[in-house]
Amino acid sequence: MSSHHFVKDKQEPAVLILEVDQVRFDQVSPLLEWVPTVLVSEKALDQVRSWGIKIDVILASEAFQREYQHLLEEQYPVKFIKTLDEAYLQTGLDYLLSTEHKAVHLVGISHLKALDLQDQLEQINLTILDGDWKYYPVKSGEFKKWFAESSIHIHGKEGMPVQIQNENGELILPITYATMMEIPEGITTIKAPGIFWVGEQVYS
């Protein structure tokens, strides 16, 4: 293994773990291959510690920090970032922007929150891991990818028209709460007049 595995590069997407109820370690471990910066909310901390992974930042209330002061030594070099009113997601994103990270994987957040995050996309690239699904934003209005035969989820502003082209032909439809598409093997192109998110099932 070459030594560059151990260089923390801010180009490498950080990993922000908010909840772990629906998350297994085997879903998270591929994100950790290049030793990214790992941020964990106090809610997820016990579970993430049990995975034995290196944590860089704990997002926590003052009360939690006082109670878990010993972690600063046990997990050295770890730091606490004060979080008010359980705003772990926003606090974590603010920290990553202030440390000039360019991208982050959000773990344990509902894809329904994606639309609330669109203002952040100009500053930082986001992907969302929600259960067995991975969601990523398409900011350019056009997305083209080769897929195996599968189902994908297109998520965006309710009613926004999307154009989908693949071997099955061309389809234009408005995005609804959960637009699921069965797609054939081959290249699928998706176009829309605004930001949309594509979800793929990455674990089954």
Protein backbone atom coordinates (compact mmCIF):
# COMPACT_ATOMS: atom_id res chain seq x y z
CA MET A 1 0.00 0.00 0.00
CA SER A 2 1.50 3.30 -1.00
CA SER A 3 1.93 6.04 1.54
CA HIS A 4 -0.47 8.43 -0.19
CA HIS A 5 -3.32 6.50 1.43
CA PHE A 6 -2.56 8.42 4.59
CA VAL A 7 -2.59 11.94 3.22
CA LYS A 8 -5.76 13.79 4.13
CA ASP A 9 -6.59 15.59 0.93
CA LYS A 10 -9.45 18.03 0.97
CA GLN A 11 -10.26 17.00 -2.59
CA GLU A 12 -11.33 13.67 -1.11
CA PRO A 13 -15.03 13.78 -0.18
CA ALA A 14 -15.54 14.05 3.56
CA VAL A 15 -18.03 11.69 5.24
CA LEU A 16 -20.70 13.21 7.51
CA ILE A 17 -22.58 10.55 9.50
CA LEU A 18 -25.81 11.90 10.97
CA GLU A 19 -27.88 8.83 11.84
CA VAL A 20 -27.07 5.13 11.79
CA ASP A 21 -30.46 3.47 12.31
CA GLN A 22 -30.66 2.40 8.66
CA VAL A 23 -26.93 2.20 8.01
CA ARG A 24 -24.59 -0.78 8.04
CA PHE A 25 -20.81 -0.57 8.18
CA ASP A 26 -20.45 -2.32 4.81
CA GLN A 27 -22.38 0.57 3.23
CA VAL A 28 -20.03 3.15 4.71
CA SER A 29 -16.69 1.36 4.40
CA PRO A 30 -16.25 2.02 0.62
CA LEU A 31 -16.43 5.75 1.40
CA LEU A 32 -13.51 5.45 3.81
CA GLU A 33 -10.96 3.93 1.46
CA TRP A 34 -8.90 7.09 0.98
CA VAL A 35 -8.96 8.16 4.64
CA PRO A 36 -11.39 11.08 4.32
CA THR A 37 -12.27 13.56 7.06
CA VAL A 38 -15.04 11.87 9.08
CA LEU A 39 -17.62 13.93 10.97
CA VAL A 40 -20.12 12.21 13.27
CA SER A 41 -23.14 13.57 15.12
CA GLU A 42 -23.44 12.77 18.81
CA LYS A 43 -26.48 10.58 17.99
CA ALA A 44 -24.43 8.30 15.76
CA LEU A 45 -21.25 8.32 17.82
CA ASP A 46 -21.59 5.07 19.79
CA GLN A 47 -22.39 3.03 16.71
CA VAL A 48 -19.64 4.59 14.62
CA ARG A 49 -17.09 4.04 17.39
CA SER A 50 -18.09 0.37 17.48
CA TRP A 51 -17.03 0.16 13.80
CA GLY A 52 -13.53 1.10 14.89
CA ILE A 53 -13.07 3.88 12.35
CA LYS A 54 -11.10 7.05 12.83
CA ILE A 55 -13.32 10.02 13.67
CA ASP A 56 -12.04 13.55 13.10
CA VAL A 57 -14.92 15.75 14.26
CA ILE A 58 -17.81 15.13 16.68
CA LEU A 59 -20.82 17.44 16.27
CA ALA A 60 -22.26 17.76 19.75
CA SER A 61 -24.07 19.90 22.29
CA GLU A 62 -22.11 21.47 25.14
CA ALA A 63 -23.62 19.00 27.62
CA PHE A 64 -22.50 16.05 25.50
CA GLN A 65 -19.01 17.51 25.17
CA ARG A 66 -18.68 17.83 28.93
CA GLU A 67 -19.80 14.26 29.47
CA TYR A 68 -17.53 12.80 26.81
CA GLN A 69 -14.42 14.89 27.36
CA HIS A 70 -12.35 11.66 27.60
CA LEU A 71 -12.93 11.04 23.88
CA LEU A 72 -10.54 13.86 23.07
CA GLU A 73 -7.73 11.63 24.32
CA GLU A 74 -9.11 8.24 23.27
CA GLN A 75 -9.80 9.37 19.71
CA TYR A 76 -6.91 11.83 19.45
CA PRO A 77 -6.72 13.94 17.31
CA VAL A 78 -10.48 14.46 17.39
CA LYS A 79 -12.30 17.72 17.98
CA PHE A 80 -15.75 18.71 19.13
CA ILE A 81 -17.74 21.26 17.16
CA LYS A 82 -20.51 22.86 19.18
CA THR A 83 -23.94 22.15 17.71
CA LEU A 84 -27.10 23.94 18.80
CA ASP A 85 -30.61 22.49 18.57
CA GLU A 86 -29.41 19.28 16.93
CA ALA A 87 -28.53 21.16 13.72
CA TYR A 88 -25.84 18.58 12.93
CA LEU A 89 -26.21 18.74 9.16
CA GLN A 90 -25.87 22.51 8.84
CA THR A 91 -23.10 22.70 11.45
CA GLY A 92 -21.18 19.95 9.67
CA LEU A 93 -21.56 21.62 6.27
CA ASP A 94 -20.50 24.99 7.69
CA TYR A 95 -17.38 23.36 9.16
CA LEU A 96 -16.51 21.65 5.86
CA LEU A 97 -16.93 24.88 3.91
CA SER A 98 -14.75 26.74 6.40
CA THR A 99 -12.04 24.08 5.98
CA GLU A 100 -12.32 24.29 2.17
CA HIS A 101 -13.64 20.81 1.52
CA LYS A 102 -15.10 20.44 -1.96
CA ALA A 103 -17.36 17.42 -1.45
CA VAL A 104 -19.09 15.34 1.20
CA HIS A 105 -21.04 12.11 1.45
CA LEU A 106 -24.04 12.58 3.75
CA VAL A 107 -24.86 9.33 5.55
CA GLY A 108 -28.11 8.69 7.39
CA ILE A 109 -30.17 11.53 5.99
CA SER A 110 -33.43 11.18 4.10
CA HIS A 111 -33.24 11.95 0.40
CA LEU A 112 -36.32 14.12 1.01
CA LYS A 113 -33.94 16.64 2.57
CA ALA A 114 -32.10 16.91 -0.75
CA LEU A 115 -34.28 19.75 -1.97
CA ASP A 116 -33.46 21.79 1.15
CA LEU A 117 -29.76 21.49 0.30
CA GLN A 118 -29.84 22.94 -3.21
CA ASP A 119 -28.48 26.31 -2.09
CA GLN A 120 -25.36 24.55 -0.77
CA LEU A 121 -24.58 22.87 -4.09
CA GLU A 122 -22.81 25.92 -5.48
CA GLN A 123 -20.27 25.65 -2.68
CA ILE A 124 -19.85 21.93 -2.10
CA ASN A 125 -20.66 18.70 -3.93
CA LEU A 126 -23.08 16.48 -2.01
CA THR A 127 -24.09 12.85 -2.29
CA ILE A 128 -26.67 11.28 0.01
CA LEU A 129 -26.64 7.71 1.26
CA ASP A 130 -30.21 6.89 2.36
CA GLY A 131 -30.59 3.24 3.32
CA ASP A 132 -29.64 1.17 0.27
CA TRP A 133 -29.87 4.12 -2.10
CA LYS A 134 -27.30 6.66 -3.16
CA TYR A 135 -28.48 10.04 -4.49
CA TYR A 136 -26.41 12.57 -6.36
CA PRO A 137 -27.39 15.97 -7.78
CA VAL A 138 -27.37 16.94 -11.43
CA LYS A 139 -26.66 20.65 -11.57
CA SER A 140 -26.07 21.06 -15.30
CA GLY A 141 -29.62 20.13 -16.33
CA GLU A 142 -28.41 17.07 -18.26
CA PHE A 143 -27.29 13.66 -17.07
CA LYS A 144 -26.05 10.75 -19.17
CA LYS A 145 -24.95 7.39 -17.82
CA TRP A 146 -24.72 3.73 -18.72
CA PHE A 147 -26.90 1.65 -16.39
CA ALA A 148 -27.46 -2.04 -15.95
CA GLU A 149 -31.16 -2.90 -16.11
CA SER A 150 -32.48 -1.44 -12.88
CA SER A 151 -34.78 1.04 -11.19
CA ILE A 152 -33.71 4.60 -10.56
CA HIS A 153 -35.35 7.36 -8.58
CA ILE A 154 -35.54 10.90 -9.96
CA HIS A 155 -36.06 13.45 -7.24
CA GLY A 156 -36.60 17.16 -7.72
CA LYS A 157 -39.02 20.00 -7.47
CA GLU A 158 -42.59 18.73 -7.64
CA GLY A 159 -44.03 19.17 -11.13
CA MET A 160 -40.72 19.96 -12.86
CA PRO A 161 -40.72 18.34 -16.33
CA VAL A 162 -38.05 15.74 -16.99
CA GLN A 163 -37.12 14.25 -20.33
CA ILE A 164 -35.80 10.67 -20.27
CA GLN A 165 -34.23 8.97 -23.29
CA ASN A 166 -32.97 5.40 -23.57
CA GLU A 167 -33.56 2.25 -25.62
CA ASN A 168 -37.21 2.25 -24.53
CA GLY A 169 -37.68 5.56 -26.34
CA GLU A 170 -38.29 9.06 -25.07
CA LEU A 171 -40.56 10.11 -22.26
CA ILE A 172 -41.41 13.51 -20.79
CA LEU A 173 -43.11 13.58 -17.42
CA PRO A 174 -43.46 15.87 -14.41
CA ILE A 175 -41.53 14.89 -11.29
CA THR A 176 -43.85 13.66 -8.59
CA TYR A 177 -43.10 12.92 -4.95
CA ALA A 178 -41.28 9.71 -5.90
CA THR A 179 -40.62 9.26 -9.59
CA MET A 180 -39.32 5.70 -9.98
CA MET A 181 -38.24 4.55 -13.42
CA GLU A 182 -37.48 1.08 -14.70
CA ILE A 183 -34.61 1.52 -17.10
CA PRO A 184 -33.10 -0.88 -19.63
CA GLU A 185 -29.43 -1.78 -19.89
CA GLY A 186 -27.54 0.89 -21.81
CA ILE A 187 -27.23 4.65 -21.83
CA THR A 188 -29.99 6.72 -20.27
CA THR A 189 -30.09 10.50 -20.72
CA ILE A 190 -32.14 12.68 -18.38
CA LYS A 191 -32.73 16.40 -18.95
CA ALA A 192 -34.59 18.94 -16.82
CA PRO A 193 -34.77 22.74 -16.55
CA GLY A 194 -33.48 22.78 -12.97
CA ILE A 195 -31.47 20.81 -10.42
CA PHE A 196 -32.58 17.23 -9.91
CA TRP A 197 -31.21 14.24 -8.02
CA VAL A 198 -30.73 10.70 -9.31
CA GLY A 199 -31.02 7.80 -6.89
CA GLU A 200 -29.51 4.39 -7.56
CA GLN A 201 -29.86 1.32 -5.43
CA VAL A 202 -26.27 0.53 -4.51
CA TYR A 203 -26.90 -2.19 -1.95
CA SER A 204 -29.62 -4.79 -1.91
